[in-house]
PDB file of N, CA and C in Angstrom:
ATOM      1  N   UNK A   1     103.986 118.558 160.405  1.00  0.00           N
ATOM      2  CA  UNK A   1     102.703 118.833 159.589  1.00  0.00           C
ATOM      3  C   UNK A   1     102.844 119.043 158.308  1.00  0.00           C
ATOM      4  N   UNK A   2     103.331 120.044 157.755  1.00  0.00           N
ATOM      5  CA  UNK A   2     104.419 120.593 156.284  1.00  0.00           C
ATOM      6  C   UNK A   2     104.662 119.365 156.023  1.00  0.00           C
ATOM      7  N   UNK A   3     105.837 118.653 156.216  1.00  0.00           N
ATOM      8  CA  UNK A   3     106.307 117.465 155.757  1.00  0.00           C
ATOM      9  C   UNK A   3     105.524 116.712 155.227  1.00  0.00           C
ATOM     10  N   UNK A   4     104.239 116.141 156.201  1.00  0.00           N
ATOM     11  CA  UNK A   4     103.271 115.134 155.912  1.00  0.00           C
ATOM     12  C   UNK A   4     102.515 115.745 154.747  1.00  0.00           C
ATOM     13  N   UNK A   5     101.938 116.634 154.829  1.00  0.00           N
ATOM     14  CA  UNK A   5     101.006 117.126 153.630  1.00  0.00           C
ATOM     15  C   UNK A   5     101.952 116.932 152.483  1.00  0.00           C
ATOM     16  N   UNK A   6     103.292 117.524 152.395  1.00  0.00           N
ATOM     17  CA  UNK A   6     103.998 117.607 151.253  1.00  0.00           C
ATOM     18  C   UNK A   6     104.139 116.074 150.831  1.00  0.00           C
ATOM     19  N   UNK A   7     104.417 115.250 151.609  1.00  0.00           N
ATOM     20  CA  UNK A   7     104.643 113.981 151.348  1.00  0.00           C
ATOM     21  C   UNK A   7     103.337 113.275 150.744  1.00  0.00           C
ATOM     22  N   UNK A   8     102.084 113.605 151.191  1.00  0.00           N
ATOM     23  CA  UNK A   8     100.819 113.187 150.483  1.00  0.00           C
ATOM     24  C   UNK A   8     100.620 113.908 149.174  1.00  0.00           C
ATOM     25  N   UNK A   9     101.193 115.102 148.945  1.00  0.00           N
ATOM     26  CA  UNK A   9     100.822 115.455 147.635  1.00  0.00           C
ATOM     27  C   UNK A   9     101.819 114.895 146.942  1.00  0.00           C
ATOM     28  N   UNK A  10     103.122 114.748 147.038  1.00  0.00           N
ATOM     29  CA  UNK A  10     103.774 113.714 146.114  1.00  0.00           C
ATOM     30  C   UNK A  10     103.383 112.440 145.710  1.00  0.00           C
ATOM     31  N   UNK A  11     102.800 111.974 147.093  1.00  0.00           N
ATOM     32  CA  UNK A  11     102.222 110.346 146.652  1.00  0.00           C
ATOM     33  C   UNK A  11     101.385 110.442 145.809  1.00  0.00           C
ATOM     34  N   UNK A  12     100.264 111.805 145.938  1.00  0.00           N
ATOM     35  CA  UNK A  12      98.934 111.748 145.181  1.00  0.00           C
ATOM     36  C   UNK A  12      99.391 111.919 143.694  1.00  0.00           C
ATOM     37  N   UNK A  13     100.541 112.915 143.607  1.00  0.00           N
ATOM     38  CA  UNK A  13     101.245 113.227 142.203  1.00  0.00           C
ATOM     39  C   UNK A  13     101.441 111.853 141.553  1.00  0.00           C
ATOM     40  N   UNK A  14     102.448 111.333 142.449  1.00  0.00           N
ATOM     41  CA  UNK A  14     102.767 109.896 141.629  1.00  0.00           C
ATOM     42  C   UNK A  14     102.037 109.072 141.153  1.00  0.00           C
ATOM     43  N   UNK A  15     100.762 108.815 142.024  1.00  0.00           N
ATOM     44  CA  UNK A  15      99.525 107.832 141.814  1.00  0.00           C
ATOM     45  C   UNK A  15      99.068 108.373 140.570  1.00  0.00           C
ATOM     46  N   UNK A  16      98.457 109.627 140.479  1.00  0.00           N
ATOM     47  CA  UNK A  16      98.124 110.647 139.097  1.00  0.00           C
ATOM     48  C   UNK A  16      99.071 109.916 138.170  1.00  0.00           C
ATOM     49  N   UNK A  17     100.239 109.733 138.028  1.00  0.00           N
ATOM     50  CA  UNK A  17     101.421 109.896 136.729  1.00  0.00           C
ATOM     51  C   UNK A  17     101.295 107.798 136.970  1.00  0.00           C
ATOM     52  N   UNK A  18     100.559 107.513 137.482  1.00  0.00           N
ATOM     53  CA  UNK A  18     100.771 105.730 137.084  1.00  0.00           C
ATOM     54  C   UNK A  18     101.718 105.255 138.191  1.00  0.00           C
ATOM     55  N   UNK A  19     102.464 105.795 139.170  1.00  0.00           N
ATOM     56  CA  UNK A  19     103.404 105.003 139.824  1.00  0.00           C
ATOM     57  C   UNK A  19     102.747 104.698 141.300  1.00  0.00           C
ATOM     58  N   UNK A  20     103.651 104.131 141.905  1.00  0.00           N
ATOM     59  CA  UNK A  20     103.238 103.326 142.987  1.00  0.00           C
ATOM     60  C   UNK A  20     103.385 102.079 143.307  1.00  0.00           C
ATOM     61  N   UNK A  21     103.060 101.493 144.028  1.00  0.00           N
ATOM     62  CA  UNK A  21     103.234 100.070 144.481  1.00  0.00           C
ATOM     63  C   UNK A  21     102.203  99.103 143.714  1.00  0.00           C
ATOM     64  N   UNK A  22     103.002  98.303 142.804  1.00  0.00           N
ATOM     65  CA  UNK A  22     102.156  97.336 142.355  1.00  0.00           C
ATOM     66  C   UNK A  22     102.582  95.670 142.419  1.00  0.00           C
ATOM     67  N   UNK A  23     102.111  94.822 142.857  1.00  0.00           N
ATOM     68  CA  UNK A  23     102.444  93.689 143.237  1.00  0.00           C
ATOM     69  C   UNK A  23     102.610  92.807 142.120  1.00  0.00           C
ATOM     70  N   UNK A  24     103.853  92.068 141.935  1.00  0.00           N
ATOM     71  CA  UNK A  24     104.032  91.265 140.846  1.00  0.00           C
ATOM     72  C   UNK A  24     102.787  90.556 140.242  1.00  0.00           C
ATOM     73  N   UNK A  25     102.570  90.244 139.065  1.00  0.00           N
ATOM     74  CA  UNK A  25     101.722  89.498 138.601  1.00  0.00           C
ATOM     75  C   UNK A  25     100.117  90.218 138.423  1.00  0.00           C
ATOM     76  N   UNK A  26     100.242  91.433 138.819  1.00  0.00           N
ATOM     77  CA  UNK A  26      98.909  92.142 138.609  1.00  0.00           C
ATOM     78  C   UNK A  26      98.795  93.218 137.701  1.00  0.00           C
ATOM     79  N   UNK A  27      97.869  93.851 137.123  1.00  0.00           N
ATOM     80  CA  UNK A  27      97.846  94.424 135.983  1.00  0.00           C
ATOM     81  C   UNK A  27      97.391  96.047 136.828  1.00  0.00           C
ATOM     82  N   UNK A  28      98.320  96.664 137.174  1.00  0.00           N
ATOM     83  CA  UNK A  28      98.499  97.716 137.516  1.00  0.00           C
ATOM     84  C   UNK A  28      97.972  99.176 136.787  1.00  0.00           C
ATOM     85  N   UNK A  29      98.130 100.255 137.311  1.00  0.00           N
ATOM     86  CA  UNK A  29      98.310 101.596 136.281  1.00  0.00           C
ATOM     87  C   UNK A  29      99.204 101.624 135.522  1.00  0.00           C
ATOM     88  N   UNK A  30     100.394 101.041 135.769  1.00  0.00           N
ATOM     89  CA  UNK A  30     101.402 101.341 134.666  1.00  0.00           C
ATOM     90  C   UNK A  30     101.227 100.621 133.536  1.00  0.00           C
ATOM     91  N   UNK A  31     100.614  99.416 133.547  1.00  0.00           N
ATOM     92  CA  UNK A  31     100.043  98.461 132.279  1.00  0.00           C
ATOM     93  C   UNK A  31      99.268  99.270 131.187  1.00  0.00           C
ATOM     94  N   UNK A  32      98.423  99.893 131.840  1.00  0.00           N
ATOM     95  CA  UNK A  32      97.451 100.711 131.171  1.00  0.00           C
ATOM     96  C   UNK A  32      98.086 102.029 130.722  1.00  0.00           C
ATOM     97  N   UNK A  33      99.082 102.612 131.449  1.00  0.00           N
ATOM     98  CA  UNK A  33      99.419 103.846 130.973  1.00  0.00           C
ATOM     99  C   UNK A  33     100.602 103.718 129.856  1.00  0.00           C
ATOM    100  N   UNK A  34     101.265 102.329 130.243  1.00  0.00           N
ATOM    101  CA  UNK A  34     102.194 101.807 129.014  1.00  0.00           C
ATOM    102  C   UNK A  34     101.570 101.776 127.931  1.00  0.00           C
ATOM    103  N   UNK A  35     100.291 100.985 127.716  1.00  0.00           N
ATOM    104  CA  UNK A  35      99.360 100.617 126.549  1.00  0.00           C
ATOM    105  C   UNK A  35      99.093 101.976 126.037  1.00  0.00           C
ATOM    106  N   UNK A  36      98.592 102.746 126.673  1.00  0.00           N
ATOM    107  CA  UNK A  36      98.341 104.338 126.045  1.00  0.00           C
ATOM    108  C   UNK A  36      99.531 104.599 125.249  1.00  0.00           C
ATOM    109  N   UNK A  37     100.682 104.748 125.765  1.00  0.00           N
ATOM    110  CA  UNK A  37     101.708 105.372 125.192  1.00  0.00           C
ATOM    111  C   UNK A  37     102.106 104.588 123.900  1.00  0.00           C
ATOM    112  N   UNK A  38     102.077 103.204 123.911  1.00  0.00           N
ATOM    113  CA  UNK A  38     102.417 102.397 122.952  1.00  0.00           C
ATOM    114  C   UNK A  38     101.407 102.672 121.585  1.00  0.00           C
ATOM    115  N   UNK A  39     100.057 102.647 122.104  1.00  0.00           N
ATOM    116  CA  UNK A  39      99.310 103.075 121.151  1.00  0.00           C
ATOM    117  C   UNK A  39      99.278 104.388 120.301  1.00  0.00           C
ATOM    118  N   UNK A  40      99.932 105.333 121.442  1.00  0.00           N
ATOM    119  CA  UNK A  40     100.172 106.945 120.868  1.00  0.00           C
ATOM    120  C   UNK A  40     101.468 107.008 120.077  1.00  0.00           C
ATOM    121  N   UNK A  41     102.370 105.993 120.110  1.00  0.00           N
ATOM    122  CA  UNK A  41     103.510 105.823 118.988  1.00  0.00           C
ATOM    123  C   UNK A  41     103.139 105.460 117.829  1.00  0.00           C
ATOM    124  N   UNK A  42     101.946 104.468 117.430  1.00  0.00           N
ATOM    125  CA  UNK A  42     102.001 104.040 116.208  1.00  0.00           C
ATOM    126  C   UNK A  42     102.054 104.952 115.265  1.00  0.00           C
ATOM    127  N   UNK A  43     102.720 104.775 114.004  1.00  0.00           N
ATOM    128  CA  UNK A  43     102.869 105.681 113.066  1.00  0.00           C
ATOM    129  C   UNK A  43     101.627 105.743 112.455  1.00  0.00           C
ATOM    130  N   UNK A  44     101.637 106.665 111.370  1.00  0.00           N
ATOM    131  CA  UNK A  44     100.723 106.887 110.181  1.00  0.00           C
ATOM    132  C   UNK A  44     100.930 105.925 108.911  1.00  0.00           C
ATOM    133  N   UNK A  45     101.897 105.229 108.983  1.00  0.00           N
ATOM    134  CA  UNK A  45     102.018 104.098 107.888  1.00  0.00           C
ATOM    135  C   UNK A  45     100.968 103.389 107.364  1.00  0.00           C
ATOM    136  N   UNK A  46     100.482 102.834 108.496  1.00  0.00           N
ATOM    137  CA  UNK A  46      99.317 101.625 108.212  1.00  0.00           C
ATOM    138  C   UNK A  46      98.212 102.229 107.716  1.00  0.00           C
ATOM    139  N   UNK A  47      97.423 103.426 108.062  1.00  0.00           N
ATOM    140  CA  UNK A  47      96.675 103.950 107.617  1.00  0.00           C
ATOM    141  C   UNK A  47      96.873 104.524 106.029  1.00  0.00           C
ATOM    142  N   UNK A  48      98.133 105.017 105.791  1.00  0.00           N
ATOM    143  CA  UNK A  48      98.398 105.759 104.584  1.00  0.00           C
ATOM    144  C   UNK A  48      98.442 104.319 103.403  1.00  0.00           C
ATOM    145  N   UNK A  49      99.047 103.216 104.011  1.00  0.00           N
ATOM    146  CA  UNK A  49      99.027 101.983 103.320  1.00  0.00           C
ATOM    147  C   UNK A  49      97.694 101.530 102.805  1.00  0.00           C
ATOM    148  N   UNK A  50      96.805 101.949 103.764  1.00  0.00           N
ATOM    149  CA  UNK A  50      95.310 101.459 103.525  1.00  0.00           C
ATOM    150  C   UNK A  50      94.754 102.346 102.621  1.00  0.00           C
ATOM    151  N   UNK A  51      94.778 103.538 102.685  1.00  0.00           N
ATOM    152  CA  UNK A  51      94.489 104.645 101.656  1.00  0.00           C
ATOM    153  C   UNK A  51      94.976 104.261 100.135  1.00  0.00           C
ATOM    154  N   UNK A  52      96.253 103.747 100.310  1.00  0.00           N
ATOM    155  CA  UNK A  52      97.053 103.598  98.895  1.00  0.00           C
ATOM    156  C   UNK A  52      96.143 102.307  98.301  1.00  0.00           C
ATOM    157  N   UNK A  53      95.946 101.383  99.296  1.00  0.00           N
ATOM    158  CA  UNK A  53      95.594 100.166  98.617  1.00  0.00           C
ATOM    159  C   UNK A  53      94.246 100.376  98.198  1.00  0.00           C
ATOM    160  N   UNK A  54      93.508 101.105  98.576  1.00  0.00           N
ATOM    161  CA  UNK A  54      92.145 101.188  98.317  1.00  0.00           C
ATOM    162  C   UNK A  54      92.007 102.067  97.012  1.00  0.00           C
ATOM    163  N   UNK A  55      92.993 103.034  96.608  1.00  0.00           N
ATOM    164  CA  UNK A  55      92.937 104.008  95.504  1.00  0.00           C
ATOM    165  C   UNK A  55      93.488 102.785  94.423  1.00  0.00           C
ATOM    166  N   UNK A  56      94.378 101.951  94.777  1.00  0.00           N
ATOM    167  CA  UNK A  56      95.011 101.311  93.512  1.00  0.00           C
ATOM    168  C   UNK A  56      93.703  99.996  93.248  1.00  0.00           C
ATOM    169  N   UNK A  57      93.038  99.769  94.205  1.00  0.00           N
ATOM    170  CA  UNK A  57      92.070  98.669  93.801  1.00  0.00           C
ATOM    171  C   UNK A  57      91.004  99.345  92.902  1.00  0.00           C
ATOM    172  N   UNK A  58      90.487 100.450  93.184  1.00  0.00           N
ATOM    173  CA  UNK A  58      89.659 101.331  92.944  1.00  0.00           C
ATOM    174  C   UNK A  58      89.844 101.618  91.222  1.00  0.00           C
ATOM    175  N   UNK A  59      91.193 102.115  91.283  1.00  0.00           N
ATOM    176  CA  UNK A  59      91.596 101.932  89.826  1.00  0.00           C
ATOM    177  C   UNK A  59      91.799 100.798  89.066  1.00  0.00           C
ATOM    178  N   UNK A  60      92.056  99.970  89.601  1.00  0.00           N
ATOM    179  CA  UNK A  60      91.787  98.618  88.999  1.00  0.00           C
ATOM    180  C   UNK A  60      90.495  98.280  88.675  1.00  0.00           C
ATOM    181  N   UNK A  61      89.435  98.181  89.094  1.00  0.00           N
ATOM    182  CA  UNK A  61      88.063  98.069  89.154  1.00  0.00           C
ATOM    183  C   UNK A  61      87.606  99.095  87.602  1.00  0.00           C
ATOM    184  N   UNK A  62      88.194 100.278  87.846  1.00  0.00           N
ATOM    185  CA  UNK A  62      87.415 101.296  86.925  1.00  0.00           C
ATOM    186  C   UNK A  62      88.277 100.936  85.482  1.00  0.00           C
ATOM    187  N   UNK A  63      89.321 100.462  85.563  1.00  0.00           N
ATOM    188  CA  UNK A  63      90.312  99.932  84.432  1.00  0.00           C
ATOM    189  C   UNK A  63      89.666  98.891  83.732  1.00  0.00           C
ATOM    190  N   UNK A  64      89.131  97.796  84.763  1.00  0.00           N
ATOM    191  CA  UNK A  64      88.859  96.298  84.347  1.00  0.00           C
ATOM    192  C   UNK A  64      87.198  96.806  83.322  1.00  0.00           C
ATOM    193  N   UNK A  65      86.645  97.753  84.034  1.00  0.00           N
ATOM    194  CA  UNK A  65      85.454  97.785  83.772  1.00  0.00           C
ATOM    195  C   UNK A  65      84.903  98.863  82.643  1.00  0.00           C
ATOM    196  N   UNK A  66      85.731  99.659  82.449  1.00  0.00           N
ATOM    197  CA  UNK A  66      85.867 100.711  81.351  1.00  0.00           C
ATOM    198  C   UNK A  66      86.731 100.323  80.205  1.00  0.00           C
ATOM    199  N   UNK A  67      87.657  99.603  80.413  1.00  0.00           N
ATOM    200  CA  UNK A  67      88.832  99.185  79.602  1.00  0.00           C
ATOM    201  C   UNK A  67      89.905 100.336  79.459  1.00  0.00           C
ATOM    202  N   UNK A  68      91.142  99.876  78.900  1.00  0.00           N
ATOM    203  CA  UNK A  68      92.354 100.810  79.250  1.00  0.00           C
ATOM    204  C   UNK A  68      92.058 102.161  78.331  1.00  0.00           C
ATOM    205  N   UNK A  69      91.598 101.925  77.032  1.00  0.00           N
ATOM    206  CA  UNK A  69      91.875 102.954  76.121  1.00  0.00           C
ATOM    207  C   UNK A  69      90.871 103.977  76.922  1.00  0.00           C
ATOM    208  N   UNK A  70      89.508 103.705  76.912  1.00  0.00           N
ATOM    209  CA  UNK A  70      88.460 104.794  77.620  1.00  0.00           C
ATOM    210  C   UNK A  70      88.790 105.173  78.905  1.00  0.00           C
ATOM    211  N   UNK A  71      89.645 104.598  79.889  1.00  0.00           N
ATOM    212  CA  UNK A  71      90.022 104.993  80.950  1.00  0.00           C
ATOM    213  C   UNK A  71      91.176 106.326  80.802  1.00  0.00           C
ATOM    214  N   UNK A  72      92.000 105.653  79.978  1.00  0.00           N
ATOM    215  CA  UNK A  72      93.325 106.929  79.710  1.00  0.00           C
ATOM    216  C   UNK A  72      92.407 108.029  78.970  1.00  0.00           C
ATOM    217  N   UNK A  73      91.639 108.264  78.077  1.00  0.00           N
ATOM    218  CA  UNK A  73      91.177 109.129  77.812  1.00  0.00           C
ATOM    219  C   UNK A  73      90.482 109.821  78.562  1.00  0.00           C
ATOM    220  N   UNK A  74      89.470 109.365  79.427  1.00  0.00           N
ATOM    221  CA  UNK A  74      89.309 110.049  80.469  1.00  0.00           C
ATOM    222  C   UNK A  74      89.842 110.550  81.675  1.00  0.00           C
ATOM    223  N   UNK A  75      91.061 109.719  81.700  1.00  0.00           N
ATOM    224  CA  UNK A  75      92.272 110.677  82.853  1.00  0.00           C
ATOM    225  C   UNK A  75      92.873 111.883  82.170  1.00  0.00           C
ATOM    226  N   UNK A  76      92.946 111.715  80.810  1.00  0.00           N
ATOM    227  CA  UNK A  76      93.634 112.841  79.964  1.00  0.00           C
ATOM    228  C   UNK A  76      92.709 114.129  79.970  1.00  0.00           C
ATOM    229  N   UNK A  77      91.453 113.776  79.841  1.00  0.00           N
ATOM    230  CA  UNK A  77      90.338 114.872  79.913  1.00  0.00           C
ATOM    231  C   UNK A  77      90.285 115.732  81.461  1.00  0.00           C
ATOM    232  N   UNK A  78      90.903 114.766  82.552  1.00  0.00           N
ATOM    233  CA  UNK A  78      90.852 115.073  83.726  1.00  0.00           C
ATOM    234  C   UNK A  78      92.314 116.103  83.885  1.00  0.00           C
ATOM    235  N   UNK A  79      93.382 115.386  83.269  1.00  0.00           N
ATOM    236  CA  UNK A  79      94.578 116.440  83.412  1.00  0.00           C
ATOM    237  C   UNK A  79      94.488 117.736  82.584  1.00  0.00           C
ATOM    238  N   UNK A  80      93.126 118.202  81.673  1.00  0.00           N
ATOM    239  CA  UNK A  80      93.288 119.215  81.190  1.00  0.00           C
ATOM    240  C   UNK A  80      92.493 120.049  81.778  1.00  0.00           C
ATOM    241  N   UNK A  81      91.514 119.645  82.894  1.00  0.00           N
ATOM    242  CA  UNK A  81      91.120 120.570  83.517  1.00  0.00           C
ATOM    243  C   UNK A  81      91.707 121.671  84.560  1.00  0.00           C
ATOM    244  N   UNK A  82      90.666 121.755  85.616  1.00  0.00           N
ATOM    245  CA  UNK A  82      91.048 122.702  86.702  1.00  0.00           C
ATOM    246  C   UNK A  82      92.365 122.238  87.529  1.00  0.00           C
ATOM    247  N   UNK A  83      92.730 123.007  88.371  1.00  0.00           N
ATOM    248  CA  UNK A  83      93.844 122.331  89.209  1.00  0.00           C
ATOM    249  C   UNK A  83      93.302 120.972  90.293  1.00  0.00           C
ATOM    250  N   UNK A  84      92.039 121.204  90.578  1.00  0.00           N
ATOM    251  CA  UNK A  84      91.699 120.143  91.158  1.00  0.00           C
ATOM    252  C   UNK A  84      91.695 118.976  90.451  1.00  0.00           C
ATOM    253  N   UNK A  85      91.156 118.982  89.330  1.00  0.00           N
ATOM    254  CA  UNK A  85      91.156 117.936  88.009  1.00  0.00           C
ATOM    255  C   UNK A  85      92.114 117.422  87.916  1.00  0.00           C
ATOM    256  N   UNK A  86      93.312 118.307  87.717  1.00  0.00           N
ATOM    257  CA  UNK A  86      94.658 117.607  87.360  1.00  0.00           C
ATOM    258  C   UNK A  86      95.284 116.883  88.199  1.00  0.00           C
ATOM    259  N   UNK A  87      95.009 117.279  89.510  1.00  0.00           N
ATOM    260  CA  UNK A  87      95.435 116.473  90.975  1.00  0.00           C
ATOM    261  C   UNK A  87      94.815 114.922  90.564  1.00  0.00           C
ATOM    262  N   UNK A  88      93.329 114.959  90.263  1.00  0.00           N
ATOM    263  CA  UNK A  88      92.606 113.972  90.386  1.00  0.00           C
ATOM    264  C   UNK A  88      93.225 113.352  89.252  1.00  0.00           C
ATOM    265  N   UNK A  89      93.739 113.806  88.089  1.00  0.00           N
ATOM    266  CA  UNK A  89      94.109 113.042  86.968  1.00  0.00           C
ATOM    267  C   UNK A  89      95.350 112.315  87.165  1.00  0.00           C
ATOM    268  N   UNK A  90      96.198 112.731  88.138  1.00  0.00           N
ATOM    269  CA  UNK A  90      97.453 112.659  88.450  1.00  0.00           C
ATOM    270  C   UNK A  90      97.280 111.322  89.451  1.00  0.00           C
ATOM    271  N   UNK A  91      96.315 111.283  90.157  1.00  0.00           N
ATOM    272  CA  UNK A  91      96.084 110.297  90.925  1.00  0.00           C
ATOM    273  C   UNK A  91      95.709 109.095  90.251  1.00  0.00           C
ATOM    274  N   UNK A  92      94.804 109.393  89.636  1.00  0.00           N
ATOM    275  CA  UNK A  92      94.142 108.341  88.878  1.00  0.00           C
ATOM    276  C   UNK A  92      94.797 107.681  87.523  1.00  0.00           C
ATOM    277  N   UNK A  93      96.105 108.674  87.489  1.00  0.00           N
ATOM    278  CA  UNK A  93      96.762 107.826  86.116  1.00  0.00           C
ATOM    279  C   UNK A  93      96.639 106.353  86.442  1.00  0.00           C
ATOM    280  N   UNK A  94      97.219 105.654  85.066  1.00  0.00           N
ATOM    281  CA  UNK A  94      97.533 104.288  85.096  1.00  0.00           C
ATOM    282  C   UNK A  94      98.760 104.170  85.414  1.00  0.00           C
ATOM    283  N   UNK A  95      98.788 102.857  86.340  1.00  0.00           N
ATOM    284  CA  UNK A  95     100.260 102.493  86.926  1.00  0.00           C
ATOM    285  C   UNK A  95     100.224 100.855  86.787  1.00  0.00           C
ATOM    286  N   UNK A  96     101.347 100.293  86.842  1.00  0.00           N
ATOM    287  CA  UNK A  96     101.406  98.724  86.583  1.00  0.00           C
ATOM    288  C   UNK A  96     100.477  98.306  87.700  1.00  0.00           C
ATOM    289  N   UNK A  97     100.575  98.622  88.866  1.00  0.00           N
ATOM    290  CA  UNK A  97      99.916  97.912  89.968  1.00  0.00           C
ATOM    291  C   UNK A  97      98.179  97.870  89.610  1.00  0.00           C
ATOM    292  N   UNK A  98      98.026  98.836  89.278  1.00  0.00           N
ATOM    293  CA  UNK A  98      96.327  99.093  88.756  1.00  0.00           C
ATOM    294  C   UNK A  98      96.334  98.380  87.878  1.00  0.00           C
ATOM    295  N   UNK A  99      97.194  98.117  86.703  1.00  0.00           N
ATOM    296  CA  UNK A  99      96.863  97.143  85.710  1.00  0.00           C
ATOM    297  C   UNK A  99      96.904  95.673  86.053  1.00  0.00           C
ATOM    298  N   UNK A 100      97.741  95.508  86.969  1.00  0.00           N
ATOM    299  CA  UNK A 100      97.613  94.014  87.817  1.00  0.00           C
ATOM    300  C   UNK A 100      96.401  93.636  88.579  1.00  0.00           C
ATOM    301  N   UNK A 101      95.831  94.942  88.888  1.00  0.00           N
ATOM    302  CA  UNK A 101      94.475  94.645  89.834  1.00  0.00           C
ATOM    303  C   UNK A 101      93.578  94.415  88.791  1.00  0.00           C
ATOM    304  N   UNK A 102      93.672  95.191  87.788  1.00  0.00           N
ATOM    305  CA  UNK A 102      92.266  95.375  86.748  1.00  0.00           C
ATOM    306  C   UNK A 102      92.496  93.692  85.893  1.00  0.00           C
ATOM    307  N   UNK A 103      93.423  93.252  86.124  1.00  0.00           N
ATOM    308  CA  UNK A 103      93.938  91.781  85.297  1.00  0.00           C
ATOM    309  C   UNK A 103      92.887  90.851  86.392  1.00  0.00           C
ATOM    310  N   UNK A 104      93.295  91.059  87.669  1.00  0.00           N
ATOM    311  CA  UNK A 104      92.648  90.178  88.606  1.00  0.00           C
ATOM    312  C   UNK A 104      91.023  90.279  88.545  1.00  0.00           C
ATOM    313  N   UNK A 105      90.739  91.389  88.671  1.00  0.00           N
ATOM    314  CA  UNK A 105      88.953  91.922  88.553  1.00  0.00           C
ATOM    315  C   UNK A 105      88.276  91.643  87.565  1.00  0.00           C
ATOM    316  N   UNK A 106      88.834  91.744  86.467  1.00  0.00           N
ATOM    317  CA  UNK A 106      88.329  91.349  84.972  1.00  0.00           C
ATOM    318  C   UNK A 106      87.321  90.411  84.686  1.00  0.00           C
ATOM    319  N   UNK A 107      87.553  89.210  84.919  1.00  0.00           N
ATOM    320  CA  UNK A 107      86.318  88.290  85.060  1.00  0.00           C
ATOM    321  C   UNK A 107      85.239  88.607  86.136  1.00  0.00           C
ATOM    322  N   UNK A 108      85.815  89.237  87.243  1.00  0.00           N
ATOM    323  CA  UNK A 108      84.432  89.452  87.824  1.00  0.00           C
ATOM    324  C   UNK A 108      83.545  90.849  87.533  1.00  0.00           C
ATOM    325  N   UNK A 109      83.951  91.538  86.673  1.00  0.00           N
ATOM    326  CA  UNK A 109      83.751  92.745  86.237  1.00  0.00           C
ATOM    327  C   UNK A 109      82.628  92.367  84.775  1.00  0.00           C
ATOM    328  N   UNK A 110      83.074  91.404  83.980  1.00  0.00           N
ATOM    329  CA  UNK A 110      82.380  90.961  82.858  1.00  0.00           C
ATOM    330  C   UNK A 110      81.148  90.271  83.190  1.00  0.00           C
TER     331      UNK A 110
END
């Protein structure tokens, strides 16, 4: 009886972990377990790129609406402020990509 209950415990443990018999062509537990593992393995690269793209597009719209000289003055005042404002000034500094985006959206803003 000990062997039998031990085997039942092992079978239950294997089933909880997604193992066991699965007929060919069916979507058993291992399909969903592998899908969850794949989802967990995704890197943080995609969200980081989205945040970076949003920042660049935002900077482009600000450059297009304020003009480059006024925008540079505002960033310069940020860089002379507190520590948080200096970080904001660094992030919002004019870069070539933001200038390209500003050129694209300039007709939309005017």
